[in-house]
Amino acid sequence: MEVYRKAYAVAMRAFELSKRFPPEERWALTGQIRRSSRSVCNNLREAWAKRRYEAHFVSKLTDCDGEANETDSSIDFALDCKYITSEEHSELVSLNSEVCRMLGSMIINPAPFLLKP
């Protein structure tokens, strides 16, 4: 799935950028941005496994969307704390926004992704 590849790219970019965060952020922002961005991918895999049932599929996609939005907040904190540049922020926000748009489309119209009985 294209949305999975894009979400994975966000998670990997967030991981790379977060390597530069200061040690005092280890259990706070560093861990949070890594967990939330990776959670989008993990929940997408779960959604895919549950695509036999529309309600379960949409529920997991909704979880993905929540995690992607949480990642967006962490990206903003990273910028405001001066851990990333505005260019890096723009890049990551743009990538993450694509993921959110794709998830939104899937939530609104899950039928093309569901398994046929």
PDB file of N, CA and C in Angstrom:
ATOM      1  N   MET A   1       0.835  -1.181   0.000  1.00  0.00           N
ATOM      2  CA  MET A   1       0.000   0.000   0.000  1.00  0.00           C
ATOM      3  C   MET A   1       0.882   1.247   0.000  1.00  0.00           C
ATOM      4  N   GLU A   2       0.505   2.175  -0.819  1.00  0.00           N
ATOM      5  CA  GLU A   2       1.257   3.436  -0.923  1.00  0.00           C
ATOM      6  C   GLU A   2       1.248   4.209   0.393  1.00  0.00           C
ATOM      7  N   VAL A   3       0.122   4.209   1.082  1.00  0.00           N
ATOM      8  CA  VAL A   3       0.041   4.937   2.345  1.00  0.00           C
ATOM      9  C   VAL A   3       1.014   4.340   3.367  1.00  0.00           C
ATOM     10  N   TYR A   4       1.186   3.029   3.347  1.00  0.00           N
ATOM     11  CA  TYR A   4       2.140   2.389   4.265  1.00  0.00           C
ATOM     12  C   TYR A   4       3.561   2.838   3.938  1.00  0.00           C
ATOM     13  N   ARG A   5       3.916   2.859   2.666  1.00  0.00           N
ATOM     14  CA  ARG A   5       5.264   3.275   2.271  1.00  0.00           C
ATOM     15  C   ARG A   5       5.540   4.714   2.695  1.00  0.00           C
ATOM     16  N   LYS A   6       4.561   5.580   2.534  1.00  0.00           N
ATOM     17  CA  LYS A   6       4.731   6.975   2.926  1.00  0.00           C
ATOM     18  C   LYS A   6       4.816   7.109   4.449  1.00  0.00           C
ATOM     19  N   ALA A   7       3.978   6.380   5.163  1.00  0.00           N
ATOM     20  CA  ALA A   7       4.017   6.420   6.628  1.00  0.00           C
ATOM     21  C   ALA A   7       5.350   5.887   7.139  1.00  0.00           C
ATOM     22  N   TYR A   8       5.863   4.865   6.498  1.00  0.00           N
ATOM     23  CA  TYR A   8       7.158   4.302   6.873  1.00  0.00           C
ATOM     24  C   TYR A   8       8.264   5.332   6.642  1.00  0.00           C
ATOM     25  N   ALA A   9       8.169   6.067   5.541  1.00  0.00           N
ATOM     26  CA  ALA A   9       9.155   7.116   5.244  1.00  0.00           C
ATOM     27  C   ALA A   9       9.117   8.208   6.311  1.00  0.00           C
ATOM     28  N   VAL A  10       7.919   8.572   6.762  1.00  0.00           N
ATOM     29  CA  VAL A  10       7.795   9.560   7.841  1.00  0.00           C
ATOM     30  C   VAL A  10       8.472   9.036   9.102  1.00  0.00           C
ATOM     31  N   ALA A  11       8.179   7.789   9.457  1.00  0.00           N
ATOM     32  CA  ALA A  11       8.748   7.203  10.673  1.00  0.00           C
ATOM     33  C   ALA A  11      10.273   7.153  10.604  1.00  0.00           C
ATOM     34  N   MET A  12      10.801   6.773   9.469  1.00  0.00           N
ATOM     35  CA  MET A  12      12.263   6.696   9.334  1.00  0.00           C
ATOM     36  C   MET A  12      12.910   8.083   9.349  1.00  0.00           C
ATOM     37  N   ARG A  13      12.263   9.052   8.714  1.00  0.00           N
ATOM     38  CA  ARG A  13      12.806  10.421   8.727  1.00  0.00           C
ATOM     39  C   ARG A  13      12.743  10.999  10.140  1.00  0.00           C
ATOM     40  N   ALA A  14      11.642  10.754  10.837  1.00  0.00           N
ATOM     41  CA  ALA A  14      11.516  11.212  12.224  1.00  0.00           C
ATOM     42  C   ALA A  14      12.597  10.571  13.093  1.00  0.00           C
ATOM     43  N   PHE A  15      12.860   9.292  12.866  1.00  0.00           N
ATOM     44  CA  PHE A  15      13.911   8.598  13.609  1.00  0.00           C
ATOM     45  C   PHE A  15      15.269   9.252  13.360  1.00  0.00           C
ATOM     46  N   GLU A  16      15.586   9.492  12.097  1.00  0.00           N
ATOM     47  CA  GLU A  16      16.882  10.101  11.758  1.00  0.00           C
ATOM     48  C   GLU A  16      17.031  11.475  12.394  1.00  0.00           C
ATOM     49  N   LEU A  17      15.998  12.290  12.269  1.00  0.00           N
ATOM     50  CA  LEU A  17      16.071  13.643  12.831  1.00  0.00           C
ATOM     51  C   LEU A  17      16.138  13.613  14.349  1.00  0.00           C
ATOM     52  N   SER A  18      15.426  12.684  14.974  1.00  0.00           N
ATOM     53  CA  SER A  18      15.386  12.641  16.434  1.00  0.00           C
ATOM     54  C   SER A  18      16.700  12.166  17.055  1.00  0.00           C
ATOM     55  N   LYS A  19      17.587  11.600  16.257  1.00  0.00           N
ATOM     56  CA  LYS A  19      18.907  11.213  16.773  1.00  0.00           C
ATOM     57  C   LYS A  19      19.674  12.428  17.284  1.00  0.00           C
ATOM     58  N   ARG A  20      19.329  13.610  16.755  1.00  0.00           N
ATOM     59  CA  ARG A  20      20.027  14.832  17.148  1.00  0.00           C
ATOM     60  C   ARG A  20      19.402  15.523  18.354  1.00  0.00           C
ATOM     61  N   PHE A  21      18.252  15.053  18.815  1.00  0.00           N
ATOM     62  CA  PHE A  21      17.599  15.697  19.946  1.00  0.00           C
ATOM     63  C   PHE A  21      18.494  15.540  21.180  1.00  0.00           C
ATOM     64  N   PRO A  22      18.427  16.478  22.100  1.00  0.00           N
ATOM     65  CA  PRO A  22      19.292  16.401  23.288  1.00  0.00           C
ATOM     66  C   PRO A  22      18.913  15.229  24.197  1.00  0.00           C
ATOM     67  N   PRO A  23      19.891  14.774  24.976  1.00  0.00           N
ATOM     68  CA  PRO A  23      19.655  13.623  25.855  1.00  0.00           C
ATOM     69  C   PRO A  23      18.470  13.794  26.805  1.00  0.00           C
ATOM     70  N   GLU A  24      18.215  15.009  27.256  1.00  0.00           N
ATOM     71  CA  GLU A  24      17.100  15.205  28.196  1.00  0.00           C
ATOM     72  C   GLU A  24      15.730  14.956  27.554  1.00  0.00           C
ATOM     73  N   GLU A  25      15.704  14.873  26.227  1.00  0.00           N
ATOM     74  CA  GLU A  25      14.450  14.576  25.517  1.00  0.00           C
ATOM     75  C   GLU A  25      14.260  13.088  25.262  1.00  0.00           C
ATOM     76  N   ARG A  26      15.224  12.284  25.694  1.00  0.00           N
ATOM     77  CA  ARG A  26      15.199  10.853  25.395  1.00  0.00           C
ATOM     78  C   ARG A  26      13.872  10.184  25.734  1.00  0.00           C
ATOM     79  N   TRP A  27      13.337  10.446  26.914  1.00  0.00           N
ATOM     80  CA  TRP A  27      12.097   9.790  27.350  1.00  0.00           C
ATOM     81  C   TRP A  27      10.878  10.644  27.054  1.00  0.00           C
ATOM     82  N   ALA A  28      11.101  11.806  26.491  1.00  0.00           N
ATOM     83  CA  ALA A  28       9.971  12.698  26.186  1.00  0.00           C
ATOM     84  C   ALA A  28       9.785  12.783  24.669  1.00  0.00           C
ATOM     85  N   LEU A  29      10.238  13.852  24.076  1.00  0.00           N
ATOM     86  CA  LEU A  29       9.959  14.095  22.666  1.00  0.00           C
ATOM     87  C   LEU A  29      10.583  13.050  21.736  1.00  0.00           C
ATOM     88  N   THR A  30      11.805  12.634  22.007  1.00  0.00           N
ATOM     89  CA  THR A  30      12.450  11.635  21.146  1.00  0.00           C
ATOM     90  C   THR A  30      11.631  10.355  21.107  1.00  0.00           C
ATOM     91  N   GLY A  31      11.299   9.850  22.276  1.00  0.00           N
ATOM     92  CA  GLY A  31      10.511   8.622  22.340  1.00  0.00           C
ATOM     93  C   GLY A  31       9.122   8.802  21.765  1.00  0.00           C
ATOM     94  N   GLN A  32       8.521   9.959  22.028  1.00  0.00           N
ATOM     95  CA  GLN A  32       7.154  10.190  21.568  1.00  0.00           C
ATOM     96  C   GLN A  32       7.060  10.242  20.048  1.00  0.00           C
ATOM     97  N   ILE A  33       7.945  10.985  19.411  1.00  0.00           N
ATOM     98  CA  ILE A  33       7.872  11.113  17.947  1.00  0.00           C
ATOM     99  C   ILE A  33       8.180   9.773  17.278  1.00  0.00           C
ATOM    100  N   ARG A  34       9.057   9.012  17.879  1.00  0.00           N
ATOM    101  CA  ARG A  34       9.363   7.689  17.319  1.00  0.00           C
ATOM    102  C   ARG A  34       8.185   6.739  17.498  1.00  0.00           C
ATOM    103  N   ARG A  35       7.586   6.731  18.680  1.00  0.00           N
ATOM    104  CA  ARG A  35       6.465   5.821  18.936  1.00  0.00           C
ATOM    105  C   ARG A  35       5.256   6.162  18.075  1.00  0.00           C
ATOM    106  N   SER A  36       4.881   7.433  18.039  1.00  0.00           N
ATOM    107  CA  SER A  36       3.664   7.791  17.295  1.00  0.00           C
ATOM    108  C   SER A  36       3.836   7.574  15.798  1.00  0.00           C
ATOM    109  N   SER A  37       5.003   7.916  15.260  1.00  0.00           N
ATOM    110  CA  SER A  37       5.203   7.727  13.815  1.00  0.00           C
ATOM    111  C   SER A  37       5.243   6.245  13.446  1.00  0.00           C
ATOM    112  N   ARG A  38       5.851   5.436  14.277  1.00  0.00           N
ATOM    113  CA  ARG A  38       5.885   3.995  14.014  1.00  0.00           C
ATOM    114  C   ARG A  38       4.522   3.359  14.214  1.00  0.00           C
ATOM    115  N   SER A  39       3.752   3.912  15.126  1.00  0.00           N
ATOM    116  CA  SER A  39       2.431   3.379  15.405  1.00  0.00           C
ATOM    117  C   SER A  39       1.507   3.494  14.198  1.00  0.00           C
ATOM    118  N   VAL A  40       1.709   4.527  13.373  1.00  0.00           N
ATOM    119  CA  VAL A  40       0.906   4.643  12.153  1.00  0.00           C
ATOM    120  C   VAL A  40       1.121   3.394  11.301  1.00  0.00           C
ATOM    121  N   CYS A  41       2.369   3.011  11.105  1.00  0.00           N
ATOM    122  CA  CYS A  41       2.684   1.816  10.306  1.00  0.00           C
ATOM    123  C   CYS A  41       2.135   0.547  10.955  1.00  0.00           C
ATOM    124  N   ASN A  42       2.328   0.427  12.248  1.00  0.00           N
ATOM    125  CA  ASN A  42       1.848  -0.772  12.943  1.00  0.00           C
ATOM    126  C   ASN A  42       0.334  -0.890  12.858  1.00  0.00           C
ATOM    127  N   ASN A  43      -0.364   0.213  13.047  1.00  0.00           N
ATOM    128  CA  ASN A  43      -1.831   0.180  12.961  1.00  0.00           C
ATOM    129  C   ASN A  43      -2.309  -0.058  11.535  1.00  0.00           C
ATOM    130  N   LEU A  44      -1.555   0.419  10.546  1.00  0.00           N
ATOM    131  CA  LEU A  44      -1.913   0.121   9.152  1.00  0.00           C
ATOM    132  C   LEU A  44      -1.836  -1.370   8.876  1.00  0.00           C
ATOM    133  N   ARG A  45      -0.805  -2.013   9.402  1.00  0.00           N
ATOM    134  CA  ARG A  45      -0.692  -3.471   9.228  1.00  0.00           C
ATOM    135  C   ARG A  45      -1.865  -4.181   9.893  1.00  0.00           C
ATOM    136  N   GLU A  46      -2.234  -3.714  11.084  1.00  0.00           N
ATOM    137  CA  GLU A  46      -3.384  -4.311  11.761  1.00  0.00           C
ATOM    138  C   GLU A  46      -4.665  -4.079  10.969  1.00  0.00           C
ATOM    139  N   ALA A  47      -4.823  -2.865  10.440  1.00  0.00           N
ATOM    140  CA  ALA A  47      -6.010  -2.550   9.637  1.00  0.00           C
ATOM    141  C   ALA A  47      -6.093  -3.475   8.435  1.00  0.00           C
ATOM    142  N   TRP A  48      -4.956  -3.672   7.780  1.00  0.00           N
ATOM    143  CA  TRP A  48      -4.914  -4.522   6.588  1.00  0.00           C
ATOM    144  C   TRP A  48      -5.326  -5.945   6.935  1.00  0.00           C
ATOM    145  N   ALA A  49      -4.896  -6.409   8.094  1.00  0.00           N
ATOM    146  CA  ALA A  49      -5.254  -7.765   8.528  1.00  0.00           C
ATOM    147  C   ALA A  49      -6.742  -7.879   8.861  1.00  0.00           C
ATOM    148  N   LYS A  50      -7.376  -6.759   9.169  1.00  0.00           N
ATOM    149  CA  LYS A  50      -8.790  -6.772   9.561  1.00  0.00           C
ATOM    150  C   LYS A  50      -9.706  -6.260   8.460  1.00  0.00           C
ATOM    151  N   ARG A  51      -9.224  -6.218   7.241  1.00  0.00           N
ATOM    152  CA  ARG A  51     -10.022  -5.631   6.169  1.00  0.00           C
ATOM    153  C   ARG A  51     -11.206  -6.498   5.733  1.00  0.00           C
ATOM    154  N   ARG A  52     -11.377  -7.624   6.372  1.00  0.00           N
ATOM    155  CA  ARG A  52     -12.549  -8.455   6.123  1.00  0.00           C
ATOM    156  C   ARG A  52     -13.787  -7.817   6.770  1.00  0.00           C
ATOM    157  N   TYR A  53     -13.558  -7.000   7.789  1.00  0.00           N
ATOM    158  CA  TYR A  53     -14.645  -6.387   8.550  1.00  0.00           C
ATOM    159  C   TYR A  53     -14.510  -4.870   8.485  1.00  0.00           C
ATOM    160  N   GLU A  54     -15.438  -4.230   7.816  1.00  0.00           N
ATOM    161  CA  GLU A  54     -15.344  -2.787   7.585  1.00  0.00           C
ATOM    162  C   GLU A  54     -15.176  -1.990   8.880  1.00  0.00           C
ATOM    163  N   ALA A  55     -15.955  -2.298   9.891  1.00  0.00           N
ATOM    164  CA  ALA A  55     -15.888  -1.530  11.144  1.00  0.00           C
ATOM    165  C   ALA A  55     -14.506  -1.650  11.798  1.00  0.00           C
ATOM    166  N   HIS A  56     -13.944  -2.848  11.810  1.00  0.00           N
ATOM    167  CA  HIS A  56     -12.609  -3.044  12.390  1.00  0.00           C
ATOM    168  C   HIS A  56     -11.561  -2.305  11.564  1.00  0.00           C
ATOM    169  N   PHE A  57     -11.674  -2.415  10.259  1.00  0.00           N
ATOM    170  CA  PHE A  57     -10.738  -1.765   9.349  1.00  0.00           C
ATOM    171  C   PHE A  57     -10.743  -0.254   9.563  1.00  0.00           C
ATOM    172  N   VAL A  58     -11.926   0.333   9.572  1.00  0.00           N
ATOM    173  CA  VAL A  58     -12.048   1.781   9.745  1.00  0.00           C
ATOM    174  C   VAL A  58     -11.570   2.201  11.136  1.00  0.00           C
ATOM    175  N   SER A  59     -11.849   1.385  12.129  1.00  0.00           N
ATOM    176  CA  SER A  59     -11.399   1.689  13.490  1.00  0.00           C
ATOM    177  C   SER A  59      -9.873   1.776  13.560  1.00  0.00           C
ATOM    178  N   LYS A  60      -9.193   0.828  12.954  1.00  0.00           N
ATOM    179  CA  LYS A  60      -7.722   0.848  12.959  1.00  0.00           C
ATOM    180  C   LYS A  60      -7.193   2.016  12.133  1.00  0.00           C
ATOM    181  N   LEU A  61      -7.858   2.338  11.026  1.00  0.00           N
ATOM    182  CA  LEU A  61      -7.445   3.499  10.234  1.00  0.00           C
ATOM    183  C   LEU A  61      -7.602   4.782  11.037  1.00  0.00           C
ATOM    184  N   THR A  62      -8.654   4.835  11.842  1.00  0.00           N
ATOM    185  CA  THR A  62      -8.875   5.997  12.704  1.00  0.00           C
ATOM    186  C   THR A  62      -7.755   6.101  13.734  1.00  0.00           C
ATOM    187  N   ASP A  63      -7.311   4.955  14.257  1.00  0.00           N
ATOM    188  CA  ASP A  63      -6.159   4.952  15.161  1.00  0.00           C
ATOM    189  C   ASP A  63      -4.919   5.486  14.450  1.00  0.00           C
ATOM    190  N   CYS A  64      -4.728   5.068  13.208  1.00  0.00           N
ATOM    191  CA  CYS A  64      -3.597   5.556  12.404  1.00  0.00           C
ATOM    192  C   CYS A  64      -3.638   7.072  12.280  1.00  0.00           C
ATOM    193  N   ASP A  65      -4.813   7.579  11.971  1.00  0.00           N
ATOM    194  CA  ASP A  65      -4.983   9.012  11.794  1.00  0.00           C
ATOM    195  C   ASP A  65      -4.658   9.769  13.083  1.00  0.00           C
ATOM    196  N   GLY A  66      -5.091   9.237  14.201  1.00  0.00           N
ATOM    197  CA  GLY A  66      -4.784   9.854  15.493  1.00  0.00           C
ATOM    198  C   GLY A  66      -3.294   9.892  15.756  1.00  0.00           C
ATOM    199  N   GLU A  67      -2.611   8.801  15.475  1.00  0.00           N
ATOM    200  CA  GLU A  67      -1.168   8.738  15.682  1.00  0.00           C
ATOM    201  C   GLU A  67      -0.417   9.677  14.732  1.00  0.00           C
ATOM    202  N   ALA A  68      -0.905   9.767  13.495  1.00  0.00           N
ATOM    203  CA  ALA A  68      -0.270  10.674  12.531  1.00  0.00           C
ATOM    204  C   ALA A  68      -0.419  12.122  12.987  1.00  0.00           C
ATOM    205  N   ASN A  69      -1.572  12.464  13.533  1.00  0.00           N
ATOM    206  CA  ASN A  69      -1.765  13.815  14.050  1.00  0.00           C
ATOM    207  C   ASN A  69      -0.932  14.071  15.293  1.00  0.00           C
ATOM    208  N   GLU A  70      -0.748  13.050  16.114  1.00  0.00           N
ATOM    209  CA  GLU A  70       0.139  13.157  17.270  1.00  0.00           C
ATOM    210  C   GLU A  70       1.581  13.396  16.810  1.00  0.00           C
ATOM    211  N   THR A  71       1.971  12.716  15.751  1.00  0.00           N
ATOM    212  CA  THR A  71       3.311  12.920  15.183  1.00  0.00           C
ATOM    213  C   THR A  71       3.467  14.363  14.729  1.00  0.00           C
ATOM    214  N   ASP A  72       2.433  14.906  14.113  1.00  0.00           N
ATOM    215  CA  ASP A  72       2.458  16.302  13.668  1.00  0.00           C
ATOM    216  C   ASP A  72       2.741  17.250  14.833  1.00  0.00           C
ATOM    217  N   SER A  73       2.116  17.010  15.968  1.00  0.00           N
ATOM    218  CA  SER A  73       2.359  17.849  17.146  1.00  0.00           C
ATOM    219  C   SER A  73       3.811  17.759  17.594  1.00  0.00           C
ATOM    220  N   SER A  74       4.344  16.551  17.591  1.00  0.00           N
ATOM    221  CA  SER A  74       5.747  16.373  17.985  1.00  0.00           C
ATOM    222  C   SER A  74       6.692  17.073  17.019  1.00  0.00           C
ATOM    223  N   ILE A  75       6.354  17.055  15.740  1.00  0.00           N
ATOM    224  CA  ILE A  75       7.166  17.749  14.733  1.00  0.00           C
ATOM    225  C   ILE A  75       7.176  19.247  15.035  1.00  0.00           C
ATOM    226  N   ASP A  76       6.023  19.784  15.412  1.00  0.00           N
ATOM    227  CA  ASP A  76       5.942  21.208  15.760  1.00  0.00           C
ATOM    228  C   ASP A  76       6.781  21.522  17.001  1.00  0.00           C
ATOM    229  N   PHE A  77       6.700  20.664  18.012  1.00  0.00           N
ATOM    230  CA  PHE A  77       7.518  20.865  19.206  1.00  0.00           C
ATOM    231  C   PHE A  77       9.004  20.840  18.857  1.00  0.00           C
ATOM    232  N   ALA A  78       9.393  19.903  18.013  1.00  0.00           N
ATOM    233  CA  ALA A  78      10.802  19.795  17.623  1.00  0.00           C
ATOM    234  C   ALA A  78      11.283  21.083  16.958  1.00  0.00           C
ATOM    235  N   LEU A  79      10.444  21.675  16.131  1.00  0.00           N
ATOM    236  CA  LEU A  79      10.808  22.941  15.494  1.00  0.00           C
ATOM    237  C   LEU A  79      10.915  24.059  16.527  1.00  0.00           C
ATOM    238  N   ASP A  80       9.885  24.197  17.350  1.00  0.00           N
ATOM    239  CA  ASP A  80       9.860  25.294  18.321  1.00  0.00           C
ATOM    240  C   ASP A  80      10.960  25.172  19.376  1.00  0.00           C
ATOM    241  N   CYS A  81      11.399  23.956  19.640  1.00  0.00           N
ATOM    242  CA  CYS A  81      12.518  23.743  20.573  1.00  0.00           C
ATOM    243  C   CYS A  81      13.873  23.868  19.866  1.00  0.00           C
ATOM    244  N   LYS A  82      13.823  24.121  18.567  1.00  0.00           N
ATOM    245  CA  LYS A  82      15.028  24.315  17.743  1.00  0.00           C
ATOM    246  C   LYS A  82      15.865  23.039  17.588  1.00  0.00           C
ATOM    247  N   TYR A  83      15.180  21.880  17.590  1.00  0.00           N
ATOM    248  CA  TYR A  83      15.866  20.613  17.373  1.00  0.00           C
ATOM    249  C   TYR A  83      15.945  20.273  15.892  1.00  0.00           C
ATOM    250  N   ILE A  84      15.052  20.866  15.097  1.00  0.00           N
ATOM    251  CA  ILE A  84      15.077  20.674  13.645  1.00  0.00           C
ATOM    252  C   ILE A  84      14.955  22.042  12.975  1.00  0.00           C
ATOM    253  N   THR A  85      15.371  22.105  11.731  1.00  0.00           N
ATOM    254  CA  THR A  85      15.281  23.359  10.985  1.00  0.00           C
ATOM    255  C   THR A  85      13.874  23.527  10.420  1.00  0.00           C
ATOM    256  N   SER A  86      13.572  24.721   9.972  1.00  0.00           N
ATOM    257  CA  SER A  86      12.256  24.939   9.363  1.00  0.00           C
ATOM    258  C   SER A  86      12.123  24.150   8.067  1.00  0.00           C
ATOM    259  N   GLU A  87      13.225  23.921   7.358  1.00  0.00           N
ATOM    260  CA  GLU A  87      13.174  23.106   6.140  1.00  0.00           C
ATOM    261  C   GLU A  87      12.847  21.653   6.485  1.00  0.00           C
ATOM    262  N   GLU A  88      13.482  21.136   7.513  1.00  0.00           N
ATOM    263  CA  GLU A  88      13.203  19.762   7.946  1.00  0.00           C
ATOM    264  C   GLU A  88      11.761  19.646   8.435  1.00  0.00           C
ATOM    265  N   HIS A  89      11.308  20.656   9.149  1.00  0.00           N
ATOM    266  CA  HIS A  89       9.924  20.683   9.625  1.00  0.00           C
ATOM    267  C   HIS A  89       8.962  20.645   8.442  1.00  0.00           C
ATOM    268  N   SER A  90       9.193  21.506   7.462  1.00  0.00           N
ATOM    269  CA  SER A  90       8.316  21.557   6.282  1.00  0.00           C
ATOM    270  C   SER A  90       8.289  20.230   5.552  1.00  0.00           C
ATOM    271  N   GLU A  91       9.461  19.630   5.398  1.00  0.00           N
ATOM    272  CA  GLU A  91       9.557  18.330   4.721  1.00  0.00           C
ATOM    273  C   GLU A  91       8.730  17.279   5.444  1.00  0.00           C
ATOM    274  N   LEU A  92       8.913  17.192   6.756  1.00  0.00           N
ATOM    275  CA  LEU A  92       8.232  16.161   7.530  1.00  0.00           C
ATOM    276  C   LEU A  92       6.729  16.426   7.620  1.00  0.00           C
ATOM    277  N   VAL A  93       6.343  17.678   7.786  1.00  0.00           N
ATOM    278  CA  VAL A  93       4.920  18.020   7.821  1.00  0.00           C
ATOM    279  C   VAL A  93       4.265  17.681   6.483  1.00  0.00           C
ATOM    280  N   SER A  94       4.960  17.974   5.394  1.00  0.00           N
ATOM    281  CA  SER A  94       4.423  17.684   4.067  1.00  0.00           C
ATOM    282  C   SER A  94       4.218  16.182   3.874  1.00  0.00           C
ATOM    283  N   LEU A  95       5.223  15.391   4.229  1.00  0.00           N
ATOM    284  CA  LEU A  95       5.109  13.930   4.120  1.00  0.00           C
ATOM    285  C   LEU A  95       3.964  13.407   4.991  1.00  0.00           C
ATOM    286  N   ASN A  96       3.902  13.903   6.211  1.00  0.00           N
ATOM    287  CA  ASN A  96       2.887  13.432   7.142  1.00  0.00           C
ATOM    288  C   ASN A  96       1.490  13.867   6.696  1.00  0.00           C
ATOM    289  N   SER A  97       1.378  15.040   6.108  1.00  0.00           N
ATOM    290  CA  SER A  97       0.084  15.513   5.603  1.00  0.00           C
ATOM    291  C   SER A  97      -0.433  14.614   4.484  1.00  0.00           C
ATOM    292  N   GLU A  98       0.482  14.139   3.644  1.00  0.00           N
ATOM    293  CA  GLU A  98       0.088  13.196   2.586  1.00  0.00           C
ATOM    294  C   GLU A  98      -0.508  11.934   3.197  1.00  0.00           C
ATOM    295  N   VAL A  99       0.148  11.441   4.227  1.00  0.00           N
ATOM    296  CA  VAL A  99      -0.340  10.237   4.909  1.00  0.00           C
ATOM    297  C   VAL A  99      -1.731  10.502   5.482  1.00  0.00           C
ATOM    298  N   CYS A 100      -1.904  11.649   6.133  1.00  0.00           N
ATOM    299  CA  CYS A 100      -3.208  11.980   6.726  1.00  0.00           C
ATOM    300  C   CYS A 100      -4.301  12.087   5.664  1.00  0.00           C
ATOM    301  N   ARG A 101      -3.979  12.690   4.529  1.00  0.00           N
ATOM    302  CA  ARG A 101      -4.971  12.795   3.444  1.00  0.00           C
ATOM    303  C   ARG A 101      -5.358  11.416   2.921  1.00  0.00           C
ATOM    304  N   MET A 102      -4.363  10.560   2.750  1.00  0.00           N
ATOM    305  CA  MET A 102      -4.637   9.206   2.257  1.00  0.00           C
ATOM    306  C   MET A 102      -5.488   8.429   3.264  1.00  0.00           C
ATOM    307  N   LEU A 103      -5.151   8.551   4.533  1.00  0.00           N
ATOM    308  CA  LEU A 103      -5.932   7.867   5.569  1.00  0.00           C
ATOM    309  C   LEU A 103      -7.362   8.388   5.580  1.00  0.00           C
ATOM    310  N   GLY A 104      -7.517   9.695   5.468  1.00  0.00           N
ATOM    311  CA  GLY A 104      -8.855  10.283   5.436  1.00  0.00           C
ATOM    312  C   GLY A 104      -9.689   9.730   4.299  1.00  0.00           C
ATOM    313  N   SER A 105      -9.091   9.597   3.130  1.00  0.00           N
ATOM    314  CA  SER A 105      -9.800   9.022   1.978  1.00  0.00           C
ATOM    315  C   SER A 105     -10.201   7.576   2.240  1.00  0.00           C
ATOM    316  N   MET A 106      -9.295   6.831   2.843  1.00  0.00           N
ATOM    317  CA  MET A 106      -9.591   5.426   3.133  1.00  0.00           C
ATOM    318  C   MET A 106     -10.698   5.289   4.165  1.00  0.00           C
ATOM    319  N   ILE A 107     -10.715   6.188   5.141  1.00  0.00           N
ATOM    320  CA  ILE A 107     -11.750   6.146   6.179  1.00  0.00           C
ATOM    321  C   ILE A 107     -13.110   6.479   5.575  1.00  0.00           C
ATOM    322  N   ILE A 108     -13.136   7.468   4.710  1.00  0.00           N
ATOM    323  CA  ILE A 108     -14.395   7.892   4.066  1.00  0.00           C
ATOM    324  C   ILE A 108     -14.908   6.826   3.095  1.00  0.00           C
ATOM    325  N   ASN A 109     -13.986   6.181   2.386  1.00  0.00           N
ATOM    326  CA  ASN A 109     -14.371   5.182   1.374  1.00  0.00           C
ATOM    327  C   ASN A 109     -13.526   3.914   1.535  1.00  0.00           C
ATOM    328  N   PRO A 110     -13.854   3.089   2.518  1.00  0.00           N
ATOM    329  CA  PRO A 110     -13.047   1.886   2.756  1.00  0.00           C
ATOM    330  C   PRO A 110     -13.302   0.748   1.776  1.00  0.00           C
ATOM    331  N   ALA A 111     -14.413   0.793   1.056  1.00  0.00           N
ATOM    332  CA  ALA A 111     -14.839  -0.330   0.201  1.00  0.00           C
ATOM    333  C   ALA A 111     -13.763  -0.879  -0.724  1.00  0.00           C
ATOM    334  N   PRO A 112     -12.974  -0.040  -1.424  1.00  0.00           N
ATOM    335  CA  PRO A 112     -11.981  -0.599  -2.345  1.00  0.00           C
ATOM    336  C   PRO A 112     -10.884  -1.443  -1.666  1.00  0.00           C
ATOM    337  N   PHE A 113     -10.756  -1.299  -0.354  1.00  0.00           N
ATOM    338  CA  PHE A 113      -9.689  -1.998   0.372  1.00  0.00           C
ATOM    339  C   PHE A 113     -10.167  -3.246   1.085  1.00  0.00           C
ATOM    340  N   LEU A 114     -11.473  -3.393   1.194  1.00  0.00           N
ATOM    341  CA  LEU A 114     -12.043  -4.527   1.931  1.00  0.00           C
ATOM    342  C   LEU A 114     -11.968  -5.813   1.129  1.00  0.00           C
ATOM    343  N   LEU A 115     -11.845  -6.930   1.830  1.00  0.00           N
ATOM    344  CA  LEU A 115     -11.896  -8.234   1.189  1.00  0.00           C
ATOM    345  C   LEU A 115     -13.336  -8.518   0.787  1.00  0.00           C
ATOM    346  N   LYS A 116     -13.505  -9.077  -0.367  1.00  0.00           N
ATOM    347  CA  LYS A 116     -14.842  -9.435  -0.834  1.00  0.00           C
ATOM    348  C   LYS A 116     -15.216 -10.785  -0.249  1.00  0.00           C
ATOM    349  N   PRO A 117     -16.479 -10.915   0.225  1.00  0.00           N
ATOM    350  CA  PRO A 117     -16.900 -12.199   0.823  1.00  0.00           C
ATOM    351  C   PRO A 117     -16.978 -13.311  -0.204  1.00  0.00           C
TER     352      PRO A 117
END
